Amino acid sequence: MTFATLLAVAEEAETHGNIPLETIGFPIIALVVFFALAMVALSYRNVANRHAHKAEVYAQKHAKDLQPHGHGH
């Protein structure tokens, strides 16, 4: 058998999977991944307010450093 004959036989024997299942499966997987990423993003919501007491203590300790020095320095 030559290489060309092997290619021809392989091409004839090749069967495709269930195309409708593939077209439904990929978007479902994508939606699950995007939903998971959205949950991660939402978990960081309002984090600054959860630690407001730490921000107040820092502001009191570094009040001199937080004052503007003019010309953006």
PDB file of N, CA and C in Angstrom:
ATOM      1  N   MET A   1       0.831  -1.176   0.000  1.00  0.00           N
ATOM      2  CA  MET A   1       0.000   0.000   0.000  1.00  0.00           C
ATOM      3  C   MET A   1       0.880   1.245   0.000  1.00  0.00           C
ATOM      4  N   THR A   2       0.487   2.188  -0.774  1.00  0.00           N
ATOM      5  CA  THR A   2       1.237   3.438  -0.811  1.00  0.00           C
ATOM      6  C   THR A   2       0.637   4.413   0.201  1.00  0.00           C
ATOM      7  N   PHE A   3       1.362   5.472   0.423  1.00  0.00           N
ATOM      8  CA  PHE A   3       0.910   6.488   1.373  1.00  0.00           C
ATOM      9  C   PHE A   3      -0.400   7.124   0.913  1.00  0.00           C
ATOM     10  N   ALA A   4      -0.522   7.370  -0.387  1.00  0.00           N
ATOM     11  CA  ALA A   4      -1.744   7.968  -0.930  1.00  0.00           C
ATOM     12  C   ALA A   4      -2.932   7.036  -0.722  1.00  0.00           C
ATOM     13  N   THR A   5      -2.719   5.746  -0.869  1.00  0.00           N
ATOM     14  CA  THR A   5      -3.801   4.790  -0.664  1.00  0.00           C
ATOM     15  C   THR A   5      -4.212   4.773   0.811  1.00  0.00           C
ATOM     16  N   LEU A   6      -3.220   4.812   1.702  1.00  0.00           N
ATOM     17  CA  LEU A   6      -3.531   4.845   3.130  1.00  0.00           C
ATOM     18  C   LEU A   6      -4.347   6.091   3.497  1.00  0.00           C
ATOM     19  N   LEU A   7      -3.984   7.232   2.905  1.00  0.00           N
ATOM     20  CA  LEU A   7      -4.733   8.461   3.169  1.00  0.00           C
ATOM     21  C   LEU A   7      -6.164   8.354   2.671  1.00  0.00           C
ATOM     22  N   ALA A   8      -6.343   7.769   1.491  1.00  0.00           N
ATOM     23  CA  ALA A   8      -7.677   7.618   0.921  1.00  0.00           C
ATOM     24  C   ALA A   8      -8.527   6.702   1.793  1.00  0.00           C
ATOM     25  N   VAL A   9      -7.955   5.602   2.264  1.00  0.00           N
ATOM     26  CA  VAL A   9      -8.696   4.674   3.113  1.00  0.00           C
ATOM     27  C   VAL A   9      -9.028   5.340   4.448  1.00  0.00           C
ATOM     28  N   ALA A  10      -8.080   6.074   5.011  1.00  0.00           N
ATOM     29  CA  ALA A  10      -8.317   6.751   6.285  1.00  0.00           C
ATOM     30  C   ALA A  10      -9.397   7.815   6.149  1.00  0.00           C
ATOM     31  N   GLU A  11      -9.430   8.485   5.008  1.00  0.00           N
ATOM     32  CA  GLU A  11     -10.432   9.522   4.799  1.00  0.00           C
ATOM     33  C   GLU A  11     -11.818   8.927   4.691  1.00  0.00           C
ATOM     34  N   GLU A  12     -11.936   7.790   4.038  1.00  0.00           N
ATOM     35  CA  GLU A  12     -13.235   7.136   3.903  1.00  0.00           C
ATOM     36  C   GLU A  12     -13.702   6.579   5.242  1.00  0.00           C
ATOM     37  N   ALA A  13     -12.777   6.074   6.032  1.00  0.00           N
ATOM     38  CA  ALA A  13     -13.145   5.447   7.294  1.00  0.00           C
ATOM     39  C   ALA A  13     -13.429   6.473   8.387  1.00  0.00           C
ATOM     40  N   GLU A  14     -13.035   7.710   8.185  1.00  0.00           N
ATOM     41  CA  GLU A  14     -13.217   8.728   9.207  1.00  0.00           C
ATOM     42  C   GLU A  14     -14.692   9.048   9.379  1.00  0.00           C
ATOM     43  N   THR A  15     -15.146   8.965  10.602  1.00  0.00           N
ATOM     44  CA  THR A  15     -16.531   9.324  10.900  1.00  0.00           C
ATOM     45  C   THR A  15     -16.513  10.496  11.869  1.00  0.00           C
ATOM     46  N   HIS A  16     -17.464  11.342  11.727  1.00  0.00           N
ATOM     47  CA  HIS A  16     -17.560  12.500  12.599  1.00  0.00           C
ATOM     48  C   HIS A  16     -18.475  12.171  13.762  1.00  0.00           C
ATOM     49  N   GLY A  17     -18.209  12.816  14.861  1.00  0.00           N
ATOM     50  CA  GLY A  17     -19.013  12.592  16.059  1.00  0.00           C
ATOM     51  C   GLY A  17     -20.380  13.222  15.906  1.00  0.00           C
ATOM     52  N   ASN A  18     -21.056  13.287  16.987  1.00  0.00           N
ATOM     53  CA  ASN A  18     -22.386  13.871  17.019  1.00  0.00           C
ATOM     54  C   ASN A  18     -22.239  15.393  17.014  1.00  0.00           C
ATOM     55  N   ILE A  19     -22.389  15.993  15.857  1.00  0.00           N
ATOM     56  CA  ILE A  19     -22.169  17.435  15.696  1.00  0.00           C
ATOM     57  C   ILE A  19     -23.109  18.259  16.572  1.00  0.00           C
ATOM     58  N   PRO A  20     -24.417  17.968  16.638  1.00  0.00           N
ATOM     59  CA  PRO A  20     -25.270  18.778  17.515  1.00  0.00           C
ATOM     60  C   PRO A  20     -24.841  18.711  18.981  1.00  0.00           C
ATOM     61  N   LEU A  21     -24.373  17.564  19.428  1.00  0.00           N
ATOM     62  CA  LEU A  21     -23.926  17.458  20.808  1.00  0.00           C
ATOM     63  C   LEU A  21     -22.697  18.331  21.033  1.00  0.00           C
ATOM     64  N   GLU A  22     -21.790  18.370  20.069  1.00  0.00           N
ATOM     65  CA  GLU A  22     -20.602  19.210  20.201  1.00  0.00           C
ATOM     66  C   GLU A  22     -20.970  20.687  20.210  1.00  0.00           C
ATOM     67  N   THR A  23     -21.944  21.082  19.406  1.00  0.00           N
ATOM     68  CA  THR A  23     -22.316  22.496  19.354  1.00  0.00           C
ATOM     69  C   THR A  23     -23.074  22.923  20.592  1.00  0.00           C
ATOM     70  N   ILE A  24     -23.637  22.004  21.322  1.00  0.00           N
ATOM     71  CA  ILE A  24     -24.308  22.338  22.582  1.00  0.00           C
ATOM     72  C   ILE A  24     -23.311  22.250  23.732  1.00  0.00           C
ATOM     73  N   GLY A  25     -22.416  21.295  23.672  1.00  0.00           N
ATOM     74  CA  GLY A  25     -21.489  21.054  24.770  1.00  0.00           C
ATOM     75  C   GLY A  25     -20.502  22.182  24.998  1.00  0.00           C
ATOM     76  N   PHE A  26     -19.913  22.707  23.940  1.00  0.00           N
ATOM     77  CA  PHE A  26     -18.910  23.759  24.089  1.00  0.00           C
ATOM     78  C   PHE A  26     -19.484  25.033  24.715  1.00  0.00           C
ATOM     79  N   PRO A  27     -20.654  25.510  24.282  1.00  0.00           N
ATOM     80  CA  PRO A  27     -21.202  26.698  24.958  1.00  0.00           C
ATOM     81  C   PRO A  27     -21.553  26.444  26.423  1.00  0.00           C
ATOM     82  N   ILE A  28     -21.995  25.224  26.740  1.00  0.00           N
ATOM     83  CA  ILE A  28     -22.310  24.927  28.134  1.00  0.00           C
ATOM     84  C   ILE A  28     -21.035  24.975  28.976  1.00  0.00           C
ATOM     85  N   ILE A  29     -19.961  24.401  28.459  1.00  0.00           N
ATOM     86  CA  ILE A  29     -18.688  24.450  29.172  1.00  0.00           C
ATOM     87  C   ILE A  29     -18.229  25.897  29.332  1.00  0.00           C
ATOM     88  N   ALA A  30     -18.370  26.694  28.283  1.00  0.00           N
ATOM     89  CA  ALA A  30     -17.966  28.103  28.353  1.00  0.00           C
ATOM     90  C   ALA A  30     -18.796  28.851  29.399  1.00  0.00           C
ATOM     91  N   LEU A  31     -20.100  28.599  29.455  1.00  0.00           N
ATOM     92  CA  LEU A  31     -20.948  29.267  30.443  1.00  0.00           C
ATOM     93  C   LEU A  31     -20.554  28.874  31.869  1.00  0.00           C
ATOM     94  N   VAL A  32     -20.230  27.622  32.075  1.00  0.00           N
ATOM     95  CA  VAL A  32     -19.810  27.173  33.410  1.00  0.00           C
ATOM     96  C   VAL A  32     -18.506  27.867  33.811  1.00  0.00           C
ATOM     97  N   VAL A  33     -17.566  27.966  32.868  1.00  0.00           N
ATOM     98  CA  VAL A  33     -16.289  28.622  33.170  1.00  0.00           C
ATOM     99  C   VAL A  33     -16.511  30.100  33.465  1.00  0.00           C
ATOM    100  N   PHE A  34     -17.311  30.789  32.650  1.00  0.00           N
ATOM    101  CA  PHE A  34     -17.566  32.212  32.883  1.00  0.00           C
ATOM    102  C   PHE A  34     -18.318  32.430  34.195  1.00  0.00           C
ATOM    103  N   PHE A  35     -19.238  31.527  34.534  1.00  0.00           N
ATOM    104  CA  PHE A  35     -19.952  31.638  35.799  1.00  0.00           C
ATOM    105  C   PHE A  35     -18.988  31.491  36.971  1.00  0.00           C
ATOM    106  N   ALA A  36     -18.076  30.539  36.877  1.00  0.00           N
ATOM    107  CA  ALA A  36     -17.087  30.340  37.940  1.00  0.00           C
ATOM    108  C   ALA A  36     -16.201  31.576  38.082  1.00  0.00           C
ATOM    109  N   LEU A  37     -15.770  32.146  36.958  1.00  0.00           N
ATOM    110  CA  LEU A  37     -14.943  33.354  37.019  1.00  0.00           C
ATOM    111  C   LEU A  37     -15.725  34.545  37.576  1.00  0.00           C
ATOM    112  N   ALA A  38     -17.011  34.615  37.264  1.00  0.00           N
ATOM    113  CA  ALA A  38     -17.850  35.689  37.806  1.00  0.00           C
ATOM    114  C   ALA A  38     -17.972  35.559  39.319  1.00  0.00           C
ATOM    115  N   MET A  39     -18.084  34.332  39.811  1.00  0.00           N
ATOM    116  CA  MET A  39     -18.152  34.123  41.263  1.00  0.00           C
ATOM    117  C   MET A  39     -16.853  34.545  41.946  1.00  0.00           C
ATOM    118  N   VAL A  40     -15.734  34.283  41.306  1.00  0.00           N
ATOM    119  CA  VAL A  40     -14.447  34.716  41.862  1.00  0.00           C
ATOM    120  C   VAL A  40     -14.387  36.240  41.891  1.00  0.00           C
ATOM    121  N   ALA A  41     -14.814  36.882  40.810  1.00  0.00           N
ATOM    122  CA  ALA A  41     -14.790  38.345  40.767  1.00  0.00           C
ATOM    123  C   ALA A  41     -15.730  38.942  41.812  1.00  0.00           C
ATOM    124  N   LEU A  42     -16.900  38.356  41.982  1.00  0.00           N
ATOM    125  CA  LEU A  42     -17.851  38.884  42.955  1.00  0.00           C
ATOM    126  C   LEU A  42     -17.402  38.650  44.394  1.00  0.00           C
ATOM    127  N   SER A  43     -16.550  37.673  44.601  1.00  0.00           N
ATOM    128  CA  SER A  43     -16.087  37.414  45.958  1.00  0.00           C
ATOM    129  C   SER A  43     -15.197  38.546  46.475  1.00  0.00           C
ATOM    130  N   TYR A  44     -14.649  39.354  45.599  1.00  0.00           N
ATOM    131  CA  TYR A  44     -13.810  40.487  45.997  1.00  0.00           C
ATOM    132  C   TYR A  44     -14.613  41.770  46.163  1.00  0.00           C
ATOM    133  N   ARG A  45     -15.911  41.701  46.035  1.00  0.00           N
ATOM    134  CA  ARG A  45     -16.759  42.866  46.130  1.00  0.00           C
ATOM    135  C   ARG A  45     -16.803  43.365  47.576  1.00  0.00           C
ATOM    136  N   ASN A  46     -16.675  44.636  47.773  1.00  0.00           N
ATOM    137  CA  ASN A  46     -16.809  45.288  49.073  1.00  0.00           C
ATOM    138  C   ASN A  46     -15.709  44.889  50.055  1.00  0.00           C
ATOM    139  N   VAL A  47     -14.557  44.493  49.563  1.00  0.00           N
ATOM    140  CA  VAL A  47     -13.464  44.070  50.448  1.00  0.00           C
ATOM    141  C   VAL A  47     -12.933  45.251  51.254  1.00  0.00           C
ATOM    142  N   ALA A  48     -12.869  46.417  50.661  1.00  0.00           N
ATOM    143  CA  ALA A  48     -12.333  47.577  51.365  1.00  0.00           C
ATOM    144  C   ALA A  48     -13.163  47.909  52.595  1.00  0.00           C
ATOM    145  N   ASN A  49     -14.457  47.772  52.510  1.00  0.00           N
ATOM    146  CA  ASN A  49     -15.307  48.091  53.657  1.00  0.00           C
ATOM    147  C   ASN A  49     -15.207  47.040  54.750  1.00  0.00           C
ATOM    148  N   ARG A  50     -14.822  45.828  54.413  1.00  0.00           N
ATOM    149  CA  ARG A  50     -14.663  44.798  55.440  1.00  0.00           C
ATOM    150  C   ARG A  50     -13.468  45.088  56.339  1.00  0.00           C
ATOM    151  N   HIS A  51     -12.525  45.864  55.819  1.00  0.00           N
ATOM    152  CA  HIS A  51     -11.316  46.161  56.565  1.00  0.00           C
ATOM    153  C   HIS A  51     -11.191  47.661  56.835  1.00  0.00           C
ATOM    154  N   ALA A  52     -12.307  48.314  57.038  1.00  0.00           N
ATOM    155  CA  ALA A  52     -12.300  49.759  57.254  1.00  0.00           C
ATOM    156  C   ALA A  52     -11.545  50.125  58.528  1.00  0.00           C
ATOM    157  N   HIS A  53     -11.621  49.294  59.558  1.00  0.00           N
ATOM    158  CA  HIS A  53     -10.923  49.605  60.803  1.00  0.00           C
ATOM    159  C   HIS A  53      -9.407  49.616  60.594  1.00  0.00           C
ATOM    160  N   LYS A  54      -8.897  48.765  59.733  1.00  0.00           N
ATOM    161  CA  LYS A  54      -7.462  48.760  59.437  1.00  0.00           C
ATOM    162  C   LYS A  54      -7.073  50.028  58.677  1.00  0.00           C
ATOM    163  N   ALA A  55      -7.942  50.469  57.770  1.00  0.00           N
ATOM    164  CA  ALA A  55      -7.657  51.682  57.005  1.00  0.00           C
ATOM    165  C   ALA A  55      -7.635  52.905  57.922  1.00  0.00           C
ATOM    166  N   GLU A  56      -8.533  52.938  58.900  1.00  0.00           N
ATOM    167  CA  GLU A  56      -8.564  54.071  59.831  1.00  0.00           C
ATOM    168  C   GLU A  56      -7.299  54.113  60.685  1.00  0.00           C
ATOM    169  N   VAL A  57      -6.853  52.963  61.158  1.00  0.00           N
ATOM    170  CA  VAL A  57      -5.628  52.906  61.964  1.00  0.00           C
ATOM    171  C   VAL A  57      -4.431  53.346  61.130  1.00  0.00           C
ATOM    172  N   TYR A  58      -4.357  52.909  59.885  1.00  0.00           N
ATOM    173  CA  TYR A  58      -3.254  53.301  58.998  1.00  0.00           C
ATOM    174  C   TYR A  58      -3.287  54.807  58.759  1.00  0.00           C
ATOM    175  N   ALA A  59      -4.479  55.356  58.538  1.00  0.00           N
ATOM    176  CA  ALA A  59      -4.598  56.793  58.276  1.00  0.00           C
ATOM    177  C   ALA A  59      -4.162  57.607  59.482  1.00  0.00           C
ATOM    178  N   GLN A  60      -4.467  57.116  60.677  1.00  0.00           N
ATOM    179  CA  GLN A  60      -4.043  57.842  61.880  1.00  0.00           C
ATOM    180  C   GLN A  60      -2.531  57.780  62.065  1.00  0.00           C
ATOM    181  N   LYS A  61      -1.934  56.632  61.783  1.00  0.00           N
ATOM    182  CA  LYS A  61      -0.482  56.484  61.950  1.00  0.00           C
ATOM    183  C   LYS A  61       0.292  57.298  60.916  1.00  0.00           C
ATOM    184  N   HIS A  62      -0.239  57.370  59.706  1.00  0.00           N
ATOM    185  CA  HIS A  62       0.484  57.994  58.596  1.00  0.00           C
ATOM    186  C   HIS A  62      -0.200  59.266  58.114  1.00  0.00           C
ATOM    187  N   ALA A  63      -0.778  60.015  59.008  1.00  0.00           N
ATOM    188  CA  ALA A  63      -1.491  61.230  58.623  1.00  0.00           C
ATOM    189  C   ALA A  63      -0.555  62.223  57.953  1.00  0.00           C
ATOM    190  N   LYS A  64       0.674  62.320  58.458  1.00  0.00           N
ATOM    191  CA  LYS A  64       1.638  63.253  57.879  1.00  0.00           C
ATOM    192  C   LYS A  64       2.005  62.827  56.454  1.00  0.00           C
ATOM    193  N   ASP A  65       2.133  61.529  56.214  1.00  0.00           N
ATOM    194  CA  ASP A  65       2.513  61.032  54.888  1.00  0.00           C
ATOM    195  C   ASP A  65       1.385  61.174  53.870  1.00  0.00           C
ATOM    196  N   LEU A  66       0.157  61.204  54.341  1.00  0.00           N
ATOM    197  CA  LEU A  66      -0.980  61.237  53.434  1.00  0.00           C
ATOM    198  C   LEU A  66      -1.355  62.647  52.988  1.00  0.00           C
ATOM    199  N   GLN A  67      -0.761  63.668  53.590  1.00  0.00           N
ATOM    200  CA  GLN A  67      -1.082  65.032  53.205  1.00  0.00           C
ATOM    201  C   GLN A  67      -0.403  65.359  51.875  1.00  0.00           C
ATOM    202  N   PRO A  68      -1.091  66.094  51.001  1.00  0.00           N
ATOM    203  CA  PRO A  68      -0.486  66.440  49.699  1.00  0.00           C
ATOM    204  C   PRO A  68       0.705  67.373  49.875  1.00  0.00           C
ATOM    205  N   HIS A  69       1.698  67.213  49.009  1.00  0.00           N
ATOM    206  CA  HIS A  69       2.923  67.998  49.079  1.00  0.00           C
ATOM    207  C   HIS A  69       3.064  68.966  47.912  1.00  0.00           C
ATOM    208  N   GLY A  70       2.074  69.147  47.122  1.00  0.00           N
ATOM    209  CA  GLY A  70       2.141  70.090  46.020  1.00  0.00           C
ATOM    210  C   GLY A  70       2.868  69.522  44.809  1.00  0.00           C
ATOM    211  N   HIS A  71       2.470  69.863  43.653  1.00  0.00           N
ATOM    212  CA  HIS A  71       3.030  69.448  42.377  1.00  0.00           C
ATOM    213  C   HIS A  71       3.073  67.928  42.224  1.00  0.00           C
ATOM    214  N   GLY A  72       2.214  67.249  42.896  1.00  0.00           N
ATOM    215  CA  GLY A  72       2.110  65.803  42.726  1.00  0.00           C
ATOM    216  C   GLY A  72       3.231  64.994  43.337  1.00  0.00           C
ATOM    217  N   HIS A  73       3.984  65.569  44.251  1.00  0.00           N
ATOM    218  CA  HIS A  73       5.102  64.836  44.881  1.00  0.00           C
ATOM    219  C   HIS A  73       4.665  64.239  46.171  1.00  0.00           C
TER     220      HIS A  73
END
